[in-house]
């Protein structure tokens, strides 16, 4: 599975494509973000669990600033639920550069650059395999200065 940002509709949306093991495409390209707004999406990241289920995350400008969104999929490419916002701050700070990793059981963690405290910090959110958040967003870096 490959994911990228694509401007084919006049906006920058997140797209993905599934492949079989010999490299042949499986189905067609599909849009990941489920909103129709003319916002931009950037820097998608993907992770696959041991059963072939996958999660895609990206920076999304649909709320006027960049937030981190994600979408879960089953191994056959079926959408599981809808897009969900990962960062839990309600301010106007932007979040950027998400990265995701899933374990063999489908639990996953998303990490990103976050400006909610003024200076950039690294934040993270853990999820169970069914997409339930485990706790709240937490700051990863332990420095308190500006950098």
Protein backbone atom coordinates (compact mmCIF):
# COMPACT_ATOMS: atom_id res chain seq x y z
CA UNK A 1 0.00 0.00 0.00
CA UNK A 2 1.33 3.40 -0.97
CA UNK A 3 -0.03 6.81 0.07
CA UNK A 4 0.65 10.29 -1.29
CA UNK A 5 -0.77 13.81 -1.73
CA UNK A 6 -2.47 14.42 -5.08
CA UNK A 7 -3.82 17.62 -6.66
CA UNK A 8 -5.94 15.94 -9.36
CA UNK A 9 -9.18 17.58 -8.18
CA UNK A 10 -7.78 21.09 -7.75
CA UNK A 11 -7.13 20.51 -4.03
CA UNK A 12 -4.37 18.57 -2.37
CA UNK A 13 -5.99 15.38 -1.07
CA UNK A 14 -4.53 12.21 0.42
CA UNK A 15 -4.69 9.20 -1.91
CA UNK A 16 -3.60 5.58 -1.66
CA UNK A 17 -3.18 2.51 -3.85
CA UNK A 18 -3.15 -1.15 -2.86
CA UNK A 19 -0.89 -3.68 -4.62
CA UNK A 20 -0.53 -7.44 -4.66
CA UNK A 21 2.83 -9.05 -3.90
CA UNK A 22 4.04 -9.06 -7.53
CA UNK A 23 3.54 -5.28 -7.77
CA UNK A 24 0.31 -5.30 -9.79
CA UNK A 25 -2.26 -2.70 -8.67
CA UNK A 26 -5.20 -4.02 -6.68
CA UNK A 27 -8.18 -1.87 -7.61
CA UNK A 28 -7.87 1.85 -8.32
CA UNK A 29 -6.38 4.82 -6.50
CA UNK A 30 -8.69 5.96 -3.70
CA UNK A 31 -9.03 9.22 -1.82
CA UNK A 32 -8.36 8.89 1.91
CA UNK A 33 -9.76 12.17 3.28
CA UNK A 34 -13.56 12.09 3.43
CA UNK A 35 -14.35 15.82 3.42
CA UNK A 36 -15.15 17.88 0.32
CA UNK A 37 -13.62 21.15 1.56
CA UNK A 38 -10.96 22.90 -0.47
CA UNK A 39 -8.38 22.45 2.26
CA UNK A 40 -4.93 21.03 1.73
CA UNK A 41 -3.59 17.76 3.09
CA UNK A 42 0.11 16.99 3.44
CA UNK A 43 2.65 14.42 4.56
CA UNK A 44 0.67 11.16 4.69
CA UNK A 45 2.12 8.21 6.57
CA UNK A 46 0.90 4.60 6.57
CA UNK A 47 1.36 1.49 8.69
CA UNK A 48 0.11 -2.07 8.22
CA UNK A 49 -0.53 -4.59 11.00
CA UNK A 50 0.12 -8.35 10.98
CA UNK A 51 -3.29 -9.09 9.40
CA UNK A 52 -2.94 -6.58 6.55
CA UNK A 53 -5.23 -3.95 8.10
CA UNK A 54 -3.80 -0.47 7.68
CA UNK A 55 -4.06 3.08 9.00
CA UNK A 56 -3.17 6.25 7.10
CA UNK A 57 -2.48 9.57 8.86
CA UNK A 58 -1.84 13.05 7.42
CA UNK A 59 -1.76 16.79 8.22
CA UNK A 60 -5.15 18.27 7.26
CA UNK A 61 -6.16 21.93 6.88
CA UNK A 62 -9.95 21.42 6.93
CA UNK A 63 -10.39 23.40 10.18
CA UNK A 64 -8.42 26.46 9.07
CA UNK A 65 -5.19 25.31 10.69
CA UNK A 66 -3.37 22.02 10.29
CA UNK A 67 -4.53 19.14 12.46
CA UNK A 68 -3.56 15.48 12.33
CA UNK A 69 -6.23 13.15 10.92
CA UNK A 70 -6.27 9.40 10.34
CA UNK A 71 -8.35 6.70 8.66
CA UNK A 72 -8.50 2.96 9.41
CA UNK A 73 -8.95 0.25 6.74
CA UNK A 74 -9.44 -3.51 6.76
CA UNK A 75 -7.01 -5.71 4.82
CA UNK A 76 -9.37 -5.77 1.81
CA UNK A 77 -9.36 -1.95 1.63
CA UNK A 78 -12.76 -1.43 3.26
CA UNK A 79 -12.97 1.85 5.18
CA UNK A 80 -13.42 1.29 8.92
CA UNK A 81 -15.34 4.25 10.32
CA UNK A 82 -14.62 7.75 9.09
CA UNK A 83 -11.69 10.15 9.25
CA UNK A 84 -10.86 11.11 12.83
CA UNK A 85 -8.83 13.92 14.31
CA UNK A 86 -5.84 12.72 16.31
CA UNK A 87 -4.68 15.86 18.12
CA UNK A 88 -6.91 16.83 21.03
CA UNK A 89 -6.10 20.53 21.39
CA UNK A 90 -8.90 22.96 20.52
CA UNK A 91 -6.65 25.95 19.79
CA UNK A 92 -5.48 27.41 16.51
CA UNK A 93 -1.93 26.03 16.70
CA UNK A 94 -0.92 23.79 13.88
CA UNK A 95 0.19 20.18 13.95
CA UNK A 96 2.45 18.84 11.23
CA UNK A 97 4.59 15.91 10.02
CA UNK A 98 2.69 12.86 11.32
CA UNK A 99 4.22 9.41 11.48
CA UNK A 100 2.48 6.14 12.35
CA UNK A 101 3.48 2.67 13.47
CA UNK A 102 1.27 -0.37 14.09
CA UNK A 103 2.16 -3.55 15.93
CA UNK A 104 1.31 -7.07 14.76
CA UNK A 105 -2.01 -7.01 16.65
CA UNK A 106 -3.24 -3.78 15.07
CA UNK A 107 -2.58 -1.38 17.96
CA UNK A 108 -1.02 1.78 16.62
CA UNK A 109 0.63 5.03 17.67
CA UNK A 110 0.72 8.33 15.79
CA UNK A 111 3.40 10.94 16.50
CA UNK A 112 3.64 14.50 15.13
CA UNK A 113 5.20 17.96 15.46
CA UNK A 114 2.86 20.12 17.56
CA UNK A 115 2.84 23.90 18.17
CA UNK A 116 0.13 24.05 20.86
CA UNK A 117 2.63 25.37 23.45
CA UNK A 118 4.13 28.01 21.14
CA UNK A 119 7.38 26.27 20.32
CA UNK A 120 7.34 22.99 18.41
CA UNK A 121 7.09 19.83 20.50
CA UNK A 122 6.66 16.19 19.62
CA UNK A 123 3.28 14.74 20.63
CA UNK A 124 1.89 11.25 20.34
CA UNK A 125 -1.37 9.32 20.71
CA UNK A 126 -1.79 5.57 21.27
CA UNK A 127 -4.78 3.57 19.92
CA UNK A 128 -6.12 0.06 20.34
CA UNK A 129 -6.67 -2.05 17.23
CA UNK A 130 -10.33 -0.96 17.02
CA UNK A 131 -9.31 2.72 16.85
CA UNK A 132 -10.12 3.58 20.48
CA UNK A 133 -7.70 6.20 21.87
CA UNK A 134 -5.64 4.92 24.80
CA UNK A 135 -5.36 7.94 27.08
CA UNK A 136 -4.83 11.46 25.77
CA UNK A 137 -2.24 13.13 23.57
CA UNK A 138 1.09 13.24 25.37
CA UNK A 139 4.24 15.26 24.90
CA UNK A 140 7.22 13.09 23.99
CA UNK A 141 10.15 15.51 24.23
CA UNK A 142 11.16 16.58 27.73
CA UNK A 143 12.76 19.95 27.02
CA UNK A 144 10.94 23.11 28.08
CA UNK A 145 12.87 25.67 26.03
CA UNK A 146 12.40 27.04 22.56
CA UNK A 147 14.01 25.02 19.80
